[in-house]
Amino acid sequence: MYFYKNTTVFCLIVLFLSVFVSSCKQTEKEEKETQPTSNVIEKPIKVPGFLLYTLEDKPVSIDDYKGKYVIIHIATTWCPFCNAEAPHLEKLYQDYKERNVEVMLIDVKESVELVREKLKDKYNLTFPILLDINGNVAASFAPKDVLPDLARDEVMLASNILIDPEGYIQFMSLLDSKNFDAELIQLKNKLDELL
């Protein structure tokens, strides 16, 4: 009888430890899959060329901004993180526009009317808002190895990209919901470092 009790206790301990170790490994795997994805530029890379249209149907090419620092924010109206950053983007634009810095927002797959109402008018945005109707321009910025199961344009939502006057991406932050930087502090720090 004593032998059976000890064996039962021993088996329960082994079972408990197996479950515990297995759950630790699963948690570790989940943490690796949700690691922060901000500041993904290790070395400057050439900005992909693009031509998009503003809400006023004016064509805008990234080449129009050569010789200037450009901040691109990729957004949608339904993205709460994008909406949280919008007033801070406007403030950044007002604070830096006299220092050779331009800001533009690229909205992905939404109509002119919706973007005008939910972004431009709601947040009184005075910098250009461009429409990426099919999401191809947003997708062209997406790092291939980040969140490979998502569509490339979705990876870029709520991202901020800093391009130098020579047309190289110096900074790119992707959405990191755990360490969300609505006030764009990291972006401003990099901009100040470059100016």
C-alpha atoms as a PDB file:
ATOM      1  CA  MET A   1       0.000   0.000   0.000  1.00  0.00           C
ATOM      2  CA  TYR A   2       2.815   2.387   0.938  1.00  0.00           C
ATOM      3  CA  PHE A   3       4.514   1.629  -2.389  1.00  0.00           C
ATOM      4  CA  TYR A   4       1.364   2.495  -4.363  1.00  0.00           C
ATOM      5  CA  LYS A   5       0.914   5.832  -2.535  1.00  0.00           C
ATOM      6  CA  ASN A   6       4.511   6.837  -3.244  1.00  0.00           C
ATOM      7  CA  THR A   7       4.210   5.755  -6.861  1.00  0.00           C
ATOM      8  CA  THR A   8       0.992   7.734  -7.255  1.00  0.00           C
ATOM      9  CA  VAL A   9       2.552  10.833  -5.675  1.00  0.00           C
ATOM     10  CA  PHE A  10       5.637  10.422  -7.846  1.00  0.00           C
ATOM     11  CA  CYS A  11       3.510  10.086 -11.013  1.00  0.00           C
ATOM     12  CA  LEU A  12       1.491  13.175 -10.081  1.00  0.00           C
ATOM     13  CA  ILE A  13       4.684  15.175  -9.548  1.00  0.00           C
ATOM     14  CA  VAL A  14       6.088  14.046 -12.905  1.00  0.00           C
ATOM     15  CA  LEU A  15       2.787  14.881 -14.611  1.00  0.00           C
ATOM     16  CA  PHE A  16       2.682  18.326 -12.973  1.00  0.00           C
ATOM     17  CA  LEU A  17       6.274  19.072 -13.979  1.00  0.00           C
ATOM     18  CA  SER A  18       5.615  17.956 -17.557  1.00  0.00           C
ATOM     19  CA  VAL A  19       2.603  20.248 -17.854  1.00  0.00           C
ATOM     20  CA  PHE A  20       4.507  23.127 -16.233  1.00  0.00           C
ATOM     21  CA  VAL A  21       7.545  22.794 -18.519  1.00  0.00           C
ATOM     22  CA  SER A  22       5.316  22.459 -21.578  1.00  0.00           C
ATOM     23  CA  SER A  23       3.373  25.615 -20.699  1.00  0.00           C
ATOM     24  CA  CYS A  24       6.610  27.537 -20.118  1.00  0.00           C
ATOM     25  CA  LYS A  25       7.845  26.560 -23.568  1.00  0.00           C
ATOM     26  CA  GLN A  26       4.529  27.634 -25.115  1.00  0.00           C
ATOM     27  CA  THR A  27       4.667  31.012 -23.318  1.00  0.00           C
ATOM     28  CA  GLU A  28       8.256  31.502 -24.504  1.00  0.00           C
ATOM     29  CA  LYS A  29       7.187  30.713 -28.080  1.00  0.00           C
ATOM     30  CA  GLU A  30       4.255  33.154 -27.884  1.00  0.00           C
ATOM     31  CA  GLU A  31       6.548  35.887 -26.533  1.00  0.00           C
ATOM     32  CA  LYS A  32       8.962  35.377 -29.431  1.00  0.00           C
ATOM     33  CA  GLU A  33       6.087  35.646 -31.907  1.00  0.00           C
ATOM     34  CA  THR A  34       4.920  38.970 -30.420  1.00  0.00           C
ATOM     35  CA  GLN A  35       8.270  40.676 -29.958  1.00  0.00           C
ATOM     36  CA  PRO A  36       8.238  44.437 -30.494  1.00  0.00           C
ATOM     37  CA  THR A  37       8.732  45.368 -34.122  1.00  0.00           C
ATOM     38  CA  SER A  38       9.672  49.025 -33.797  1.00  0.00           C
ATOM     39  CA  ASN A  39      12.897  50.577 -35.091  1.00  0.00           C
ATOM     40  CA  VAL A  40      13.419  47.942 -37.743  1.00  0.00           C
ATOM     41  CA  ILE A  41      16.028  49.794 -39.833  1.00  0.00           C
ATOM     42  CA  GLU A  42      19.539  48.569 -39.068  1.00  0.00           C
ATOM     43  CA  LYS A  43      21.164  50.500 -41.906  1.00  0.00           C
ATOM     44  CA  PRO A  44      19.700  53.100 -44.288  1.00  0.00           C
ATOM     45  CA  ILE A  45      17.879  51.723 -47.322  1.00  0.00           C
ATOM     46  CA  LYS A  46      16.661  53.486 -50.460  1.00  0.00           C
ATOM     47  CA  VAL A  47      13.025  54.555 -50.300  1.00  0.00           C
ATOM     48  CA  PRO A  48      10.804  52.796 -52.849  1.00  0.00           C
ATOM     49  CA  GLY A  49       9.543  55.218 -55.473  1.00  0.00           C
ATOM     50  CA  PHE A  50       5.829  55.975 -55.598  1.00  0.00           C
ATOM     51  CA  LEU A  51       3.217  58.277 -57.057  1.00  0.00           C
ATOM     52  CA  LEU A  52      -0.076  58.738 -55.180  1.00  0.00           C
ATOM     53  CA  TYR A  53      -2.871  61.308 -55.178  1.00  0.00           C
ATOM     54  CA  THR A  54      -3.939  63.665 -52.397  1.00  0.00           C
ATOM     55  CA  LEU A  55      -7.515  64.124 -51.203  1.00  0.00           C
ATOM     56  CA  GLU A  56      -7.637  67.059 -53.627  1.00  0.00           C
ATOM     57  CA  ASP A  57      -6.599  64.718 -56.504  1.00  0.00           C
ATOM     58  CA  LYS A  58      -3.124  66.256 -56.813  1.00  0.00           C
ATOM     59  CA  PRO A  59      -0.348  63.802 -57.821  1.00  0.00           C
ATOM     60  CA  VAL A  60       2.524  63.487 -55.335  1.00  0.00           C
ATOM     61  CA  SER A  61       5.739  61.578 -55.908  1.00  0.00           C
ATOM     62  CA  ILE A  62       8.322  60.881 -53.228  1.00  0.00           C
ATOM     63  CA  ASP A  63      10.804  62.361 -55.721  1.00  0.00           C
ATOM     64  CA  ASP A  64       9.071  65.743 -55.226  1.00  0.00           C
ATOM     65  CA  TYR A  65      10.617  65.803 -51.742  1.00  0.00           C
ATOM     66  CA  LYS A  66      14.292  65.241 -52.604  1.00  0.00           C
ATOM     67  CA  GLY A  67      16.466  67.506 -50.486  1.00  0.00           C
ATOM     68  CA  LYS A  68      14.040  67.375 -47.530  1.00  0.00           C
ATOM     69  CA  TYR A  69      13.473  65.129 -44.561  1.00  0.00           C
ATOM     70  CA  VAL A  70      10.149  63.342 -44.980  1.00  0.00           C
ATOM     71  CA  ILE A  71       8.080  61.587 -42.349  1.00  0.00           C
ATOM     72  CA  ILE A  72       5.538  59.149 -43.742  1.00  0.00           C
ATOM     73  CA  HIS A  73       2.791  57.773 -41.522  1.00  0.00           C
ATOM     74  CA  ILE A  74       0.782  54.846 -42.916  1.00  0.00           C
ATOM     75  CA  ALA A  75      -2.766  54.693 -41.585  1.00  0.00           C
ATOM     76  CA  THR A  76      -6.435  53.841 -41.910  1.00  0.00           C
ATOM     77  CA  THR A  77      -9.389  55.601 -40.313  1.00  0.00           C
ATOM     78  CA  TRP A  78     -10.389  52.490 -38.318  1.00  0.00           C
ATOM     79  CA  CYS A  79      -6.946  52.029 -36.726  1.00  0.00           C
ATOM     80  CA  PRO A  80      -7.039  53.312 -33.106  1.00  0.00           C
ATOM     81  CA  PHE A  81      -3.237  53.582 -32.987  1.00  0.00           C
ATOM     82  CA  CYS A  82      -3.189  55.685 -36.157  1.00  0.00           C
ATOM     83  CA  ASN A  83      -5.869  57.949 -34.709  1.00  0.00           C
ATOM     84  CA  ALA A  84      -3.923  58.338 -31.454  1.00  0.00           C
ATOM     85  CA  GLU A  85      -0.840  59.447 -33.399  1.00  0.00           C
ATOM     86  CA  ALA A  86      -2.669  61.891 -35.709  1.00  0.00           C
ATOM     87  CA  PRO A  87      -2.635  64.967 -33.418  1.00  0.00           C
ATOM     88  CA  HIS A  88       1.018  64.321 -32.553  1.00  0.00           C
ATOM     89  CA  LEU A  89       1.892  64.120 -36.256  1.00  0.00           C
ATOM     90  CA  GLU A  90       0.252  67.505 -36.790  1.00  0.00           C
ATOM     91  CA  LYS A  91       2.207  68.972 -33.862  1.00  0.00           C
ATOM     92  CA  LEU A  92       5.430  67.463 -35.193  1.00  0.00           C
ATOM     93  CA  TYR A  93       4.689  68.977 -38.603  1.00  0.00           C
ATOM     94  CA  GLN A  94       4.083  72.424 -37.109  1.00  0.00           C
ATOM     95  CA  ASP A  95       7.218  72.207 -34.936  1.00  0.00           C
ATOM     96  CA  TYR A  96       9.561  71.031 -37.713  1.00  0.00           C
ATOM     97  CA  LYS A  97       8.229  72.399 -41.014  1.00  0.00           C
ATOM     98  CA  GLU A  98      10.587  75.395 -40.871  1.00  0.00           C
ATOM     99  CA  ARG A  99      13.526  72.982 -40.489  1.00  0.00           C
ATOM    100  CA  ASN A 100      13.276  71.299 -43.911  1.00  0.00           C
ATOM    101  CA  VAL A 101      10.938  68.561 -42.634  1.00  0.00           C
ATOM    102  CA  GLU A 102       7.775  67.445 -44.413  1.00  0.00           C
ATOM    103  CA  VAL A 103       5.081  65.109 -43.080  1.00  0.00           C
ATOM    104  CA  MET A 104       2.658  63.060 -45.143  1.00  0.00           C
ATOM    105  CA  LEU A 105       0.088  60.446 -44.289  1.00  0.00           C
ATOM    106  CA  ILE A 106      -0.600  57.528 -46.621  1.00  0.00           C
ATOM    107  CA  ASP A 107      -4.081  56.123 -46.066  1.00  0.00           C
ATOM    108  CA  VAL A 108      -4.560  52.516 -47.163  1.00  0.00           C
ATOM    109  CA  LYS A 109      -7.599  51.302 -49.135  1.00  0.00           C
ATOM    110  CA  GLU A 110     -10.165  53.932 -48.109  1.00  0.00           C
ATOM    111  CA  SER A 111     -12.283  56.515 -49.916  1.00  0.00           C
ATOM    112  CA  VAL A 112     -11.583  60.234 -50.175  1.00  0.00           C
ATOM    113  CA  GLU A 113     -14.774  61.083 -48.280  1.00  0.00           C
ATOM    114  CA  LEU A 114     -14.059  58.761 -45.373  1.00  0.00           C
ATOM    115  CA  VAL A 115     -10.454  59.911 -45.013  1.00  0.00           C
ATOM    116  CA  ARG A 116     -11.432  63.568 -45.199  1.00  0.00           C
ATOM    117  CA  GLU A 117     -14.091  63.150 -42.497  1.00  0.00           C
ATOM    118  CA  LYS A 118     -12.351  60.723 -40.122  1.00  0.00           C
ATOM    119  CA  LEU A 119      -8.752  61.968 -40.376  1.00  0.00           C
ATOM    120  CA  LYS A 120      -8.200  65.325 -42.077  1.00  0.00           C
ATOM    121  CA  ASP A 121     -11.194  67.194 -40.645  1.00  0.00           C
ATOM    122  CA  LYS A 122     -11.402  65.375 -37.319  1.00  0.00           C
ATOM    123  CA  TYR A 123      -7.756  66.094 -36.422  1.00  0.00           C
ATOM    124  CA  ASN A 124      -7.335  69.322 -38.442  1.00  0.00           C
ATOM    125  CA  LEU A 125      -4.428  67.863 -40.379  1.00  0.00           C
ATOM    126  CA  THR A 126      -2.655  70.406 -42.578  1.00  0.00           C
ATOM    127  CA  PHE A 127      -0.003  68.169 -44.163  1.00  0.00           C
ATOM    128  CA  PRO A 128      -0.670  66.120 -47.333  1.00  0.00           C
ATOM    129  CA  ILE A 129      -2.797  62.990 -47.066  1.00  0.00           C
ATOM    130  CA  LEU A 130      -2.240  60.534 -49.900  1.00  0.00           C
ATOM    131  CA  LEU A 131      -4.530  57.691 -50.942  1.00  0.00           C
ATOM    132  CA  ASP A 132      -3.042  54.232 -51.479  1.00  0.00           C
ATOM    133  CA  ILE A 133      -6.178  52.739 -53.021  1.00  0.00           C
ATOM    134  CA  ASN A 134      -4.862  49.186 -53.476  1.00  0.00           C
ATOM    135  CA  GLY A 135      -2.280  49.123 -50.647  1.00  0.00           C
ATOM    136  CA  ASN A 136       0.689  48.529 -52.959  1.00  0.00           C
ATOM    137  CA  VAL A 137       2.718  51.521 -51.792  1.00  0.00           C
ATOM    138  CA  ALA A 138       2.273  50.630 -48.116  1.00  0.00           C
ATOM    139  CA  ALA A 139       3.200  47.034 -48.937  1.00  0.00           C
ATOM    140  CA  SER A 140       6.387  48.177 -50.703  1.00  0.00           C
ATOM    141  CA  PHE A 141       7.753  49.455 -47.376  1.00  0.00           C
ATOM    142  CA  ALA A 142       7.040  46.243 -45.425  1.00  0.00           C
ATOM    143  CA  PRO A 143      10.034  44.215 -44.234  1.00  0.00           C
ATOM    144  CA  LYS A 144       9.651  40.703 -45.632  1.00  0.00           C
ATOM    145  CA  ASP A 145      10.550  38.901 -42.408  1.00  0.00           C
ATOM    146  CA  VAL A 146       8.195  40.798 -40.072  1.00  0.00           C
ATOM    147  CA  LEU A 147       4.783  39.214 -39.412  1.00  0.00           C
ATOM    148  CA  PRO A 148       4.915  37.071 -42.560  1.00  0.00           C
ATOM    149  CA  ASP A 149       1.331  35.803 -42.114  1.00  0.00           C
ATOM    150  CA  LEU A 150      -0.176  39.288 -42.549  1.00  0.00           C
ATOM    151  CA  ALA A 151      -0.771  41.094 -45.818  1.00  0.00           C
ATOM    152  CA  ARG A 152       2.191  43.423 -46.436  1.00  0.00           C
ATOM    153  CA  ASP A 153       0.040  46.581 -46.372  1.00  0.00           C
ATOM    154  CA  GLU A 154      -1.461  45.526 -43.009  1.00  0.00           C
ATOM    155  CA  VAL A 155       2.013  45.102 -41.505  1.00  0.00           C
ATOM    156  CA  MET A 156       2.639  48.778 -42.181  1.00  0.00           C
ATOM    157  CA  LEU A 157      -0.441  50.242 -40.451  1.00  0.00           C
ATOM    158  CA  ALA A 158       0.498  52.791 -37.774  1.00  0.00           C
ATOM    159  CA  SER A 159       4.087  52.784 -38.974  1.00  0.00           C
ATOM    160  CA  ASN A 160       6.299  55.842 -39.161  1.00  0.00           C
ATOM    161  CA  ILE A 161       9.080  56.194 -41.695  1.00  0.00           C
ATOM    162  CA  LEU A 162      11.787  58.873 -41.702  1.00  0.00           C
ATOM    163  CA  ILE A 163      13.478  59.544 -45.043  1.00  0.00           C
ATOM    164  CA  ASP A 164      16.592  61.706 -45.330  1.00  0.00           C
ATOM    165  CA  PRO A 165      17.196  64.369 -48.035  1.00  0.00           C
ATOM    166  CA  GLU A 166      19.093  61.833 -50.181  1.00  0.00           C
ATOM    167  CA  GLY A 167      16.095  59.469 -50.254  1.00  0.00           C
ATOM    168  CA  TYR A 168      17.223  56.876 -47.708  1.00  0.00           C
ATOM    169  CA  ILE A 169      15.052  55.474 -44.936  1.00  0.00           C
ATOM    170  CA  GLN A 170      16.810  56.283 -41.669  1.00  0.00           C
ATOM    171  CA  PHE A 171      14.089  55.170 -39.241  1.00  0.00           C
ATOM    172  CA  MET A 172      11.053  52.926 -39.426  1.00  0.00           C
ATOM    173  CA  SER A 173       8.803  51.995 -36.553  1.00  0.00           C
ATOM    174  CA  LEU A 174       6.117  49.375 -36.947  1.00  0.00           C
ATOM    175  CA  LEU A 175       3.148  49.029 -34.629  1.00  0.00           C
ATOM    176  CA  ASP A 176       4.185  47.735 -31.228  1.00  0.00           C
ATOM    177  CA  SER A 177       1.006  47.655 -29.150  1.00  0.00           C
ATOM    178  CA  LYS A 178       2.913  46.789 -25.957  1.00  0.00           C
ATOM    179  CA  ASN A 179       5.250  49.802 -26.231  1.00  0.00           C
ATOM    180  CA  PHE A 180       3.071  52.142 -28.269  1.00  0.00           C
ATOM    181  CA  ASP A 181       4.661  55.566 -28.775  1.00  0.00           C
ATOM    182  CA  ALA A 182       1.680  57.800 -29.649  1.00  0.00           C
ATOM    183  CA  GLU A 183       3.705  60.950 -28.973  1.00  0.00           C
ATOM    184  CA  LEU A 184       6.324  59.846 -31.519  1.00  0.00           C
ATOM    185  CA  ILE A 185       9.197  60.335 -29.081  1.00  0.00           C
ATOM    186  CA  GLN A 186      11.535  57.827 -30.763  1.00  0.00           C
ATOM    187  CA  LEU A 187      10.840  59.349 -34.172  1.00  0.00           C
ATOM    188  CA  LYS A 188      11.492  62.878 -32.876  1.00  0.00           C
ATOM    189  CA  ASN A 189      14.709  61.743 -31.204  1.00  0.00           C
ATOM    190  CA  LYS A 190      15.982  60.274 -34.486  1.00  0.00           C
ATOM    191  CA  LEU A 191      14.924  63.395 -36.376  1.00  0.00           C
ATOM    192  CA  ASP A 192      16.731  65.655 -33.889  1.00  0.00           C
ATOM    193  CA  GLU A 193      19.815  63.459 -34.193  1.00  0.00           C
ATOM    194  CA  LEU A 194      19.828  63.902 -37.980  1.00  0.00           C
ATOM    195  CA  LEU A 195      19.048  67.640 -38.094  1.00  0.00           C
END
